[in-house]
Amino acid sequence: MASLQELLAQKAELEAKIAEVQSGARAESIAKIRATMAEFGLTVADLGNVKAARPVTKVAAKFRNGATGETWSGRGLKPKWLVSALAAGATLESFAI
């Protein structure tokens, strides 16, 4: 029977081979798709519901921690420093820039 170390080594080797094959298959598929699109003059917009990646825009900070200088734009989850300050009785307006 194989030892644990031998089995883990086999597993790592198999995972590396799987990743290599997946990468090659992915690259081959992308090349085929690009060739077909070029052959027929297709664009991403021609594919219908597929959305082209939008450029990421940075949002200006709206709140600042005066002690550390950390900022938050007001989007997404509140940062830990703001949550703890609000729990301690501070108001959101006191951090407004």
PDB file of N, CA and C in Angstrom:
ATOM      1  N   MET A   1       0.847  -1.176   0.000  1.00  0.00           N
ATOM      2  CA  MET A   1       0.000   0.000   0.000  1.00  0.00           C
ATOM      3  C   MET A   1       0.898   1.246   0.000  1.00  0.00           C
ATOM      4  N   ALA A   2       0.485   2.267  -0.739  1.00  0.00           N
ATOM      5  CA  ALA A   2       1.261   3.497  -0.847  1.00  0.00           C
ATOM      6  C   ALA A   2       1.137   4.318   0.431  1.00  0.00           C
ATOM      7  N   SER A   3       2.210   5.032   0.741  1.00  0.00           N
ATOM      8  CA  SER A   3       2.185   5.878   1.936  1.00  0.00           C
ATOM      9  C   SER A   3       1.432   7.176   1.635  1.00  0.00           C
ATOM     10  N   LEU A   4       1.120   7.886   2.694  1.00  0.00           N
ATOM     11  CA  LEU A   4       0.414   9.163   2.545  1.00  0.00           C
ATOM     12  C   LEU A   4       1.228  10.135   1.699  1.00  0.00           C
ATOM     13  N   GLN A   5       2.520  10.200   1.929  1.00  0.00           N
ATOM     14  CA  GLN A   5       3.387  11.119   1.171  1.00  0.00           C
ATOM     15  C   GLN A   5       3.388  10.772  -0.316  1.00  0.00           C
ATOM     16  N   GLU A   6       3.409   9.487  -0.624  1.00  0.00           N
ATOM     17  CA  GLU A   6       3.393   9.073  -2.031  1.00  0.00           C
ATOM     18  C   GLU A   6       2.066   9.439  -2.688  1.00  0.00           C
ATOM     19  N   LEU A   7       0.989   9.221  -1.974  1.00  0.00           N
ATOM     20  CA  LEU A   7      -0.326   9.572  -2.516  1.00  0.00           C
ATOM     21  C   LEU A   7      -0.464  11.073  -2.729  1.00  0.00           C
ATOM     22  N   LEU A   8       0.040  11.872  -1.785  1.00  0.00           N
ATOM     23  CA  LEU A   8      -0.022  13.329  -1.932  1.00  0.00           C
ATOM     24  C   LEU A   8       0.833  13.791  -3.111  1.00  0.00           C
ATOM     25  N   ALA A   9       1.967  13.139  -3.318  1.00  0.00           N
ATOM     26  CA  ALA A   9       2.815  13.484  -4.457  1.00  0.00           C
ATOM     27  C   ALA A   9       2.113  13.150  -5.762  1.00  0.00           C
ATOM     28  N   GLN A  10       1.455  11.992  -5.813  1.00  0.00           N
ATOM     29  CA  GLN A  10       0.697  11.611  -7.008  1.00  0.00           C
ATOM     30  C   GLN A  10      -0.436  12.593  -7.268  1.00  0.00           C
ATOM     31  N   LYS A  11      -1.099  13.000  -6.204  1.00  0.00           N
ATOM     32  CA  LYS A  11      -2.206  13.955  -6.330  1.00  0.00           C
ATOM     33  C   LYS A  11      -1.701  15.276  -6.898  1.00  0.00           C
ATOM     34  N   ALA A  12      -0.586  15.766  -6.370  1.00  0.00           N
ATOM     35  CA  ALA A  12      -0.017  17.033  -6.853  1.00  0.00           C
ATOM     36  C   ALA A  12       0.386  16.922  -8.317  1.00  0.00           C
ATOM     37  N   GLU A  13       0.955  15.773  -8.693  1.00  0.00           N
ATOM     38  CA  GLU A  13       1.355  15.563 -10.079  1.00  0.00           C
ATOM     39  C   GLU A  13       0.141  15.537 -11.002  1.00  0.00           C
ATOM     40  N   LEU A  14      -0.917  14.850 -10.582  1.00  0.00           N
ATOM     41  CA  LEU A  14      -2.142  14.805 -11.377  1.00  0.00           C
ATOM     42  C   LEU A  14      -2.791  16.178 -11.503  1.00  0.00           C
ATOM     43  N   GLU A  15      -2.821  16.932 -10.411  1.00  0.00           N
ATOM     44  CA  GLU A  15      -3.409  18.274 -10.465  1.00  0.00           C
ATOM     45  C   GLU A  15      -2.625  19.170 -11.405  1.00  0.00           C
ATOM     46  N   ALA A  16      -1.297  19.031 -11.428  1.00  0.00           N
ATOM     47  CA  ALA A  16      -0.477  19.819 -12.345  1.00  0.00           C
ATOM     48  C   ALA A  16      -0.777  19.437 -13.789  1.00  0.00           C
ATOM     49  N   LYS A  17      -0.918  18.143 -14.061  1.00  0.00           N
ATOM     50  CA  LYS A  17      -1.232  17.690 -15.418  1.00  0.00           C
ATOM     51  C   LYS A  17      -2.614  18.176 -15.841  1.00  0.00           C
ATOM     52  N   ILE A  18      -3.582  18.102 -14.929  1.00  0.00           N
ATOM     53  CA  ILE A  18      -4.944  18.573 -15.221  1.00  0.00           C
ATOM     54  C   ILE A  18      -4.919  20.058 -15.573  1.00  0.00           C
ATOM     55  N   ALA A  19      -4.217  20.846 -14.776  1.00  0.00           N
ATOM     56  CA  ALA A  19      -4.139  22.287 -15.030  1.00  0.00           C
ATOM     57  C   ALA A  19      -3.496  22.565 -16.382  1.00  0.00           C
ATOM     58  N   GLU A  20      -2.469  21.799 -16.732  1.00  0.00           N
ATOM     59  CA  GLU A  20      -1.780  21.979 -18.010  1.00  0.00           C
ATOM     60  C   GLU A  20      -2.704  21.666 -19.180  1.00  0.00           C
ATOM     61  N   VAL A  21      -3.443  20.565 -19.082  1.00  0.00           N
ATOM     62  CA  VAL A  21      -4.363  20.172 -20.150  1.00  0.00           C
ATOM     63  C   VAL A  21      -5.508  21.186 -20.264  1.00  0.00           C
ATOM     64  N   GLN A  22      -6.036  21.643 -19.128  1.00  0.00           N
ATOM     65  CA  GLN A  22      -7.111  22.640 -19.160  1.00  0.00           C
ATOM     66  C   GLN A  22      -6.634  23.927 -19.813  1.00  0.00           C
ATOM     67  N   SER A  23      -5.423  24.340 -19.470  1.00  0.00           N
ATOM     68  CA  SER A  23      -4.877  25.571 -20.040  1.00  0.00           C
ATOM     69  C   SER A  23      -4.719  25.446 -21.549  1.00  0.00           C
ATOM     70  N   GLY A  24      -4.218  24.306 -21.999  1.00  0.00           N
ATOM     71  CA  GLY A  24      -4.056  24.091 -23.438  1.00  0.00           C
ATOM     72  C   GLY A  24      -5.386  24.047 -24.159  1.00  0.00           C
ATOM     73  N   ALA A  25      -6.368  23.357 -23.577  1.00  0.00           N
ATOM     74  CA  ALA A  25      -7.691  23.271 -24.190  1.00  0.00           C
ATOM     75  C   ALA A  25      -8.349  24.644 -24.245  1.00  0.00           C
ATOM     76  N   ARG A  26      -8.163  25.420 -23.208  1.00  0.00           N
ATOM     77  CA  ARG A  26      -8.745  26.770 -23.172  1.00  0.00           C
ATOM     78  C   ARG A  26      -8.123  27.649 -24.255  1.00  0.00           C
ATOM     79  N   ALA A  27      -6.795  27.602 -24.356  1.00  0.00           N
ATOM     80  CA  ALA A  27      -6.101  28.403 -25.370  1.00  0.00           C
ATOM     81  C   ALA A  27      -6.524  27.982 -26.775  1.00  0.00           C
ATOM     82  N   GLU A  28      -6.676  26.674 -26.989  1.00  0.00           N
ATOM     83  CA  GLU A  28      -7.104  26.167 -28.291  1.00  0.00           C
ATOM     84  C   GLU A  28      -8.521  26.641 -28.610  1.00  0.00           C
ATOM     85  N   SER A  29      -9.408  26.600 -27.632  1.00  0.00           N
ATOM     86  CA  SER A  29     -10.790  27.042 -27.842  1.00  0.00           C
ATOM     87  C   SER A  29     -10.845  28.528 -28.168  1.00  0.00           C
ATOM     88  N   ILE A  30     -10.081  29.309 -27.444  1.00  0.00           N
ATOM     89  CA  ILE A  30     -10.060  30.757 -27.701  1.00  0.00           C
ATOM     90  C   ILE A  30      -9.550  31.036 -29.104  1.00  0.00           C
ATOM     91  N   ALA A  31      -8.509  30.312 -29.532  1.00  0.00           N
ATOM     92  CA  ALA A  31      -7.968  30.502 -30.879  1.00  0.00           C
ATOM     93  C   ALA A  31      -9.014  30.168 -31.938  1.00  0.00           C
ATOM     94  N   LYS A  32      -9.762  29.067 -31.739  1.00  0.00           N
ATOM     95  CA  LYS A  32     -10.810  28.692 -32.693  1.00  0.00           C
ATOM     96  C   LYS A  32     -11.895  29.756 -32.755  1.00  0.00           C
ATOM     97  N   ILE A  33     -12.297  30.258 -31.600  1.00  0.00           N
ATOM     98  CA  ILE A  33     -13.353  31.283 -31.562  1.00  0.00           C
ATOM     99  C   ILE A  33     -12.884  32.552 -32.262  1.00  0.00           C
ATOM    100  N   ARG A  34     -11.649  32.958 -31.984  1.00  0.00           N
ATOM    101  CA  ARG A  34     -11.115  34.167 -32.639  1.00  0.00           C
ATOM    102  C   ARG A  34     -11.037  33.977 -34.147  1.00  0.00           C
ATOM    103  N   ALA A  35     -10.612  32.799 -34.591  1.00  0.00           N
ATOM    104  CA  ALA A  35     -10.524  32.535 -36.028  1.00  0.00           C
ATOM    105  C   ALA A  35     -11.905  32.588 -36.673  1.00  0.00           C
ATOM    106  N   THR A  36     -12.897  32.003 -36.038  1.00  0.00           N
ATOM    107  CA  THR A  36     -14.256  32.026 -36.575  1.00  0.00           C
ATOM    108  C   THR A  36     -14.792  33.452 -36.617  1.00  0.00           C
ATOM    109  N   MET A  37     -14.539  34.207 -35.559  1.00  0.00           N
ATOM    110  CA  MET A  37     -15.009  35.600 -35.545  1.00  0.00           C
ATOM    111  C   MET A  37     -14.342  36.409 -36.646  1.00  0.00           C
ATOM    112  N   ALA A  38     -13.044  36.196 -36.839  1.00  0.00           N
ATOM    113  CA  ALA A  38     -12.335  36.922 -37.898  1.00  0.00           C
ATOM    114  C   ALA A  38     -12.840  36.495 -39.278  1.00  0.00           C
ATOM    115  N   GLU A  39     -13.088  35.203 -39.451  1.00  0.00           N
ATOM    116  CA  GLU A  39     -13.561  34.688 -40.742  1.00  0.00           C
ATOM    117  C   GLU A  39     -14.887  35.309 -41.151  1.00  0.00           C
ATOM    118  N   PHE A  40     -15.774  35.489 -40.193  1.00  0.00           N
ATOM    119  CA  PHE A  40     -17.095  36.020 -40.502  1.00  0.00           C
ATOM    120  C   PHE A  40     -17.246  37.504 -40.157  1.00  0.00           C
ATOM    121  N   GLY A  41     -16.191  38.141 -39.682  1.00  0.00           N
ATOM    122  CA  GLY A  41     -16.248  39.565 -39.351  1.00  0.00           C
ATOM    123  C   GLY A  41     -17.142  39.858 -38.161  1.00  0.00           C
ATOM    124  N   LEU A  42     -17.167  38.967 -37.195  1.00  0.00           N
ATOM    125  CA  LEU A  42     -18.031  39.131 -36.033  1.00  0.00           C
ATOM    126  C   LEU A  42     -17.337  39.935 -34.939  1.00  0.00           C
ATOM    127  N   THR A  43     -18.147  40.619 -34.139  1.00  0.00           N
ATOM    128  CA  THR A  43     -17.649  41.337 -32.964  1.00  0.00           C
ATOM    129  C   THR A  43     -18.368  40.779 -31.738  1.00  0.00           C
ATOM    130  N   VAL A  44     -17.929  41.198 -30.575  1.00  0.00           N
ATOM    131  CA  VAL A  44     -18.579  40.762 -29.336  1.00  0.00           C
ATOM    132  C   VAL A  44     -20.040  41.195 -29.325  1.00  0.00           C
ATOM    133  N   ALA A  45     -20.326  42.367 -29.861  1.00  0.00           N
ATOM    134  CA  ALA A  45     -21.699  42.870 -29.900  1.00  0.00           C
ATOM    135  C   ALA A  45     -22.601  41.964 -30.729  1.00  0.00           C
ATOM    136  N   ASP A  46     -22.029  41.296 -31.735  1.00  0.00           N
ATOM    137  CA  ASP A  46     -22.809  40.399 -32.581  1.00  0.00           C
ATOM    138  C   ASP A  46     -23.256  39.141 -31.845  1.00  0.00           C
ATOM    139  N   LEU A  47     -22.639  38.847 -30.723  1.00  0.00           N
ATOM    140  CA  LEU A  47     -22.953  37.623 -29.997  1.00  0.00           C
ATOM    141  C   LEU A  47     -24.229  37.728 -29.180  1.00  0.00           C
ATOM    142  N   GLY A  48     -24.807  38.903 -29.097  1.00  0.00           N
ATOM    143  CA  GLY A  48     -26.093  39.054 -28.425  1.00  0.00           C
ATOM    144  C   GLY A  48     -25.966  39.428 -26.978  1.00  0.00           C
ATOM    145  N   ASN A  49     -26.371  38.526 -26.085  1.00  0.00           N
ATOM    146  CA  ASN A  49     -26.439  38.818 -24.665  1.00  0.00           C
ATOM    147  C   ASN A  49     -25.086  38.930 -23.983  1.00  0.00           C
ATOM    148  N   VAL A  50     -24.027  38.626 -24.680  1.00  0.00           N
ATOM    149  CA  VAL A  50     -22.700  38.694 -24.071  1.00  0.00           C
ATOM    150  C   VAL A  50     -22.333  40.161 -23.889  1.00  0.00           C
ATOM    151  N   LYS A  51     -21.989  40.503 -22.670  1.00  0.00           N
ATOM    152  CA  LYS A  51     -21.612  41.876 -22.381  1.00  0.00           C
ATOM    153  C   LYS A  51     -20.097  42.010 -22.458  1.00  0.00           C
ATOM    154  N   ALA A  52     -19.664  43.041 -23.129  1.00  0.00           N
ATOM    155  CA  ALA A  52     -18.234  43.316 -23.170  1.00  0.00           C
ATOM    156  C   ALA A  52     -17.819  43.870 -21.815  1.00  0.00           C
ATOM    157  N   ALA A  53     -16.610  43.596 -21.429  1.00  0.00           N
ATOM    158  CA  ALA A  53     -16.121  44.073 -20.137  1.00  0.00           C
ATOM    159  C   ALA A  53     -16.082  45.605 -20.141  1.00  0.00           C
ATOM    160  N   ARG A  54     -16.658  46.169 -19.115  1.00  0.00           N
ATOM    161  CA  ARG A  54     -16.644  47.625 -18.985  1.00  0.00           C
ATOM    162  C   ARG A  54     -15.374  48.042 -18.258  1.00  0.00           C
ATOM    163  N   PRO A  55     -14.856  49.190 -18.605  1.00  0.00           N
ATOM    164  CA  PRO A  55     -13.673  49.648 -17.884  1.00  0.00           C
ATOM    165  C   PRO A  55     -14.018  49.936 -16.425  1.00  0.00           C
ATOM    166  N   VAL A  56     -13.101  49.613 -15.553  1.00  0.00           N
ATOM    167  CA  VAL A  56     -13.308  49.844 -14.129  1.00  0.00           C
ATOM    168  C   VAL A  56     -13.038  51.314 -13.834  1.00  0.00           C
ATOM    169  N   THR A  57     -14.008  51.963 -13.222  1.00  0.00           N
ATOM    170  CA  THR A  57     -13.829  53.360 -12.859  1.00  0.00           C
ATOM    171  C   THR A  57     -13.702  53.461 -11.357  1.00  0.00           C
ATOM    172  N   LYS A  58     -12.781  54.266 -10.923  1.00  0.00           N
ATOM    173  CA  LYS A  58     -12.557  54.439  -9.500  1.00  0.00           C
ATOM    174  C   LYS A  58     -13.503  55.521  -8.987  1.00  0.00           C
ATOM    175  N   VAL A  59     -14.098  55.250  -7.840  1.00  0.00           N
ATOM    176  CA  VAL A  59     -15.048  56.171  -7.244  1.00  0.00           C
ATOM    177  C   VAL A  59     -14.331  56.979  -6.168  1.00  0.00           C
ATOM    178  N   ALA A  60     -14.617  58.261  -6.119  1.00  0.00           N
ATOM    179  CA  ALA A  60     -13.986  59.130  -5.133  1.00  0.00           C
ATOM    180  C   ALA A  60     -14.424  58.747  -3.722  1.00  0.00           C
ATOM    181  N   ALA A  61     -13.517  58.894  -2.785  1.00  0.00           N
ATOM    182  CA  ALA A  61     -13.818  58.589  -1.385  1.00  0.00           C
ATOM    183  C   ALA A  61     -14.803  59.608  -0.829  1.00  0.00           C
ATOM    184  N   LYS A  62     -15.728  59.139  -0.002  1.00  0.00           N
ATOM    185  CA  LYS A  62     -16.712  60.027   0.618  1.00  0.00           C
ATOM    186  C   LYS A  62     -16.534  60.116   2.124  1.00  0.00           C
ATOM    187  N   PHE A  63     -15.830  59.113   2.694  1.00  0.00           N
ATOM    188  CA  PHE A  63     -15.642  59.073   4.136  1.00  0.00           C
ATOM    189  C   PHE A  63     -14.182  58.785   4.453  1.00  0.00           C
ATOM    190  N   ARG A  64     -13.647  59.427   5.508  1.00  0.00           N
ATOM    191  CA  ARG A  64     -12.244  59.255   5.878  1.00  0.00           C
ATOM    192  C   ARG A  64     -12.122  59.070   7.378  1.00  0.00           C
ATOM    193  N   ASN A  65     -11.263  58.152   7.763  1.00  0.00           N
ATOM    194  CA  ASN A  65     -10.920  57.944   9.162  1.00  0.00           C
ATOM    195  C   ASN A  65      -9.812  58.947   9.480  1.00  0.00           C
ATOM    196  N   GLY A  66     -10.101  59.918  10.307  1.00  0.00           N
ATOM    197  CA  GLY A  66      -9.138  60.963  10.620  1.00  0.00           C
ATOM    198  C   GLY A  66      -7.896  60.449  11.320  1.00  0.00           C
ATOM    199  N   ALA A  67      -8.015  59.361  12.067  1.00  0.00           N
ATOM    200  CA  ALA A  67      -6.878  58.838  12.817  1.00  0.00           C
ATOM    201  C   ALA A  67      -5.888  58.106  11.921  1.00  0.00           C
ATOM    202  N   THR A  68      -6.374  57.349  10.955  1.00  0.00           N
ATOM    203  CA  THR A  68      -5.482  56.532  10.129  1.00  0.00           C
ATOM    204  C   THR A  68      -5.402  56.990   8.676  1.00  0.00           C
ATOM    205  N   GLY A  69      -6.341  57.806   8.239  1.00  0.00           N
ATOM    206  CA  GLY A  69      -6.351  58.247   6.851  1.00  0.00           C
ATOM    207  C   GLY A  69      -7.049  57.277   5.908  1.00  0.00           C
ATOM    208  N   GLU A  70      -7.580  56.165   6.436  1.00  0.00           N
ATOM    209  CA  GLU A  70      -8.289  55.207   5.597  1.00  0.00           C
ATOM    210  C   GLU A  70      -9.553  55.856   5.048  1.00  0.00           C
ATOM    211  N   THR A  71      -9.931  55.456   3.832  1.00  0.00           N
ATOM    212  CA  THR A  71     -11.107  56.045   3.204  1.00  0.00           C
ATOM    213  C   THR A  71     -12.073  54.960   2.760  1.00  0.00           C
ATOM    214  N   TRP A  72     -13.309  55.393   2.490  1.00  0.00           N
ATOM    215  CA  TRP A  72     -14.355  54.523   1.970  1.00  0.00           C
ATOM    216  C   TRP A  72     -15.199  55.334   1.006  1.00  0.00           C
ATOM    217  N   SER A  73     -15.557  54.736  -0.125  1.00  0.00           N
ATOM    218  CA  SER A  73     -16.322  55.442  -1.148  1.00  0.00           C
ATOM    219  C   SER A  73     -17.812  55.479  -0.855  1.00  0.00           C
ATOM    220  N   GLY A  74     -18.273  54.670   0.087  1.00  0.00           N
ATOM    221  CA  GLY A  74     -19.694  54.584   0.360  1.00  0.00           C
ATOM    222  C   GLY A  74     -20.350  53.452  -0.388  1.00  0.00           C
ATOM    223  N   ARG A  75     -19.569  52.710  -1.174  1.00  0.00           N
ATOM    224  CA  ARG A  75     -20.085  51.566  -1.918  1.00  0.00           C
ATOM    225  C   ARG A  75     -19.601  50.278  -1.278  1.00  0.00           C
ATOM    226  N   GLY A  76     -20.435  49.276  -1.345  1.00  0.00           N
ATOM    227  CA  GLY A  76     -20.054  47.978  -0.797  1.00  0.00           C
ATOM    228  C   GLY A  76     -20.196  47.955   0.714  1.00  0.00           C
ATOM    229  N   LEU A  77     -19.607  46.920   1.312  1.00  0.00           N
ATOM    230  CA  LEU A  77     -19.686  46.779   2.756  1.00  0.00           C
ATOM    231  C   LEU A  77     -18.904  47.884   3.458  1.00  0.00           C
ATOM    232  N   LYS A  78     -19.381  48.280   4.618  1.00  0.00           N
ATOM    233  CA  LYS A  78     -18.667  49.278   5.407  1.00  0.00           C
ATOM    234  C   LYS A  78     -17.365  48.656   5.918  1.00  0.00           C
ATOM    235  N   PRO A  79     -16.277  49.400   5.875  1.00  0.00           N
ATOM    236  CA  PRO A  79     -15.022  48.856   6.393  1.00  0.00           C
ATOM    237  C   PRO A  79     -15.092  48.674   7.905  1.00  0.00           C
ATOM    238  N   LYS A  80     -14.229  47.809   8.427  1.00  0.00           N
ATOM    239  CA  LYS A  80     -14.247  47.482   9.856  1.00  0.00           C
ATOM    240  C   LYS A  80     -14.030  48.710  10.727  1.00  0.00           C
ATOM    241  N   TRP A  81     -13.145  49.613  10.304  1.00  0.00           N
ATOM    242  CA  TRP A  81     -12.886  50.794  11.122  1.00  0.00           C
ATOM    243  C   TRP A  81     -14.141  51.638  11.266  1.00  0.00           C
ATOM    244  N   LEU A  82     -14.958  51.703  10.222  1.00  0.00           N
ATOM    245  CA  LEU A  82     -16.176  52.504  10.272  1.00  0.00           C
ATOM    246  C   LEU A  82     -17.257  51.792  11.093  1.00  0.00           C
ATOM    247  N   VAL A  83     -17.374  50.495  10.924  1.00  0.00           N
ATOM    248  CA  VAL A  83     -18.356  49.731  11.692  1.00  0.00           C
ATOM    249  C   VAL A  83     -18.091  49.863  13.190  1.00  0.00           C
ATOM    250  N   SER A  84     -16.812  49.725  13.576  1.00  0.00           N
ATOM    251  CA  SER A  84     -16.495  49.818  15.007  1.00  0.00           C
ATOM    252  C   SER A  84     -16.718  51.236  15.538  1.00  0.00           C
ATOM    253  N   ALA A  85     -16.418  52.246  14.721  1.00  0.00           N
ATOM    254  CA  ALA A  85     -16.632  53.628  15.156  1.00  0.00           C
ATOM    255  C   ALA A  85     -18.123  53.922  15.304  1.00  0.00           C
ATOM    256  N   LEU A  86     -18.938  53.413  14.376  1.00  0.00           N
ATOM    257  CA  LEU A  86     -20.381  53.616  14.463  1.00  0.00           C
ATOM    258  C   LEU A  86     -20.955  52.894  15.677  1.00  0.00           C
ATOM    259  N   ALA A  87     -20.419  51.706  15.976  1.00  0.00           N
ATOM    260  CA  ALA A  87     -20.881  50.960  17.143  1.00  0.00           C
ATOM    261  C   ALA A  87     -20.510  51.679  18.440  1.00  0.00           C
ATOM    262  N   ALA A  88     -19.425  52.455  18.391  1.00  0.00           N
ATOM    263  CA  ALA A  88     -18.990  53.187  19.565  1.00  0.00           C
ATOM    264  C   ALA A  88     -19.755  54.499  19.747  1.00  0.00           C
ATOM    265  N   GLY A  89     -20.661  54.807  18.814  1.00  0.00           N
ATOM    266  CA  GLY A  89     -21.490  55.993  18.965  1.00  0.00           C
ATOM    267  C   GLY A  89     -21.209  57.114  17.990  1.00  0.00           C
ATOM    268  N   ALA A  90     -20.218  56.968  17.133  1.00  0.00           N
ATOM    269  CA  ALA A  90     -19.940  58.023  16.139  1.00  0.00           C
ATOM    270  C   ALA A  90     -21.035  58.034  15.085  1.00  0.00           C
ATOM    271  N   THR A  91     -21.123  59.137  14.366  1.00  0.00           N
ATOM    272  CA  THR A  91     -22.100  59.228  13.280  1.00  0.00           C
ATOM    273  C   THR A  91     -21.374  59.158  11.952  1.00  0.00           C
ATOM    274  N   LEU A  92     -22.070  58.701  10.951  1.00  0.00           N
ATOM    275  CA  LEU A  92     -21.479  58.586   9.623  1.00  0.00           C
ATOM    276  C   LEU A  92     -21.070  59.961   9.089  1.00  0.00           C
ATOM    277  N   GLU A  93     -21.845  60.978   9.419  1.00  0.00           N
ATOM    278  CA  GLU A  93     -21.550  62.331   8.950  1.00  0.00           C
ATOM    279  C   GLU A  93     -20.222  62.850   9.507  1.00  0.00           C
ATOM    280  N   SER A  94     -19.810  62.345  10.667  1.00  0.00           N
ATOM    281  CA  SER A  94     -18.555  62.829  11.233  1.00  0.00           C
ATOM    282  C   SER A  94     -17.339  62.346  10.451  1.00  0.00           C
ATOM    283  N   PHE A  95     -17.530  61.381   9.559  1.00  0.00           N
ATOM    284  CA  PHE A  95     -16.436  60.874   8.735  1.00  0.00           C
ATOM    285  C   PHE A  95     -16.518  61.395   7.311  1.00  0.00           C
ATOM    286  N   ALA A  96     -17.515  62.187   6.983  1.00  0.00           N
ATOM    287  CA  ALA A  96     -17.688  62.684   5.623  1.00  0.00           C
ATOM    288  C   ALA A  96     -16.540  63.599   5.221  1.00  0.00           C
ATOM    289  N   ILE A  97     -16.152  63.488   3.991  1.00  0.00           N
ATOM    290  CA  ILE A  97     -15.056  64.326   3.476  1.00  0.00           C
ATOM    291  C   ILE A  97     -15.637  65.617   2.924  1.00  0.00           C
TER     292      ILE A  97
END
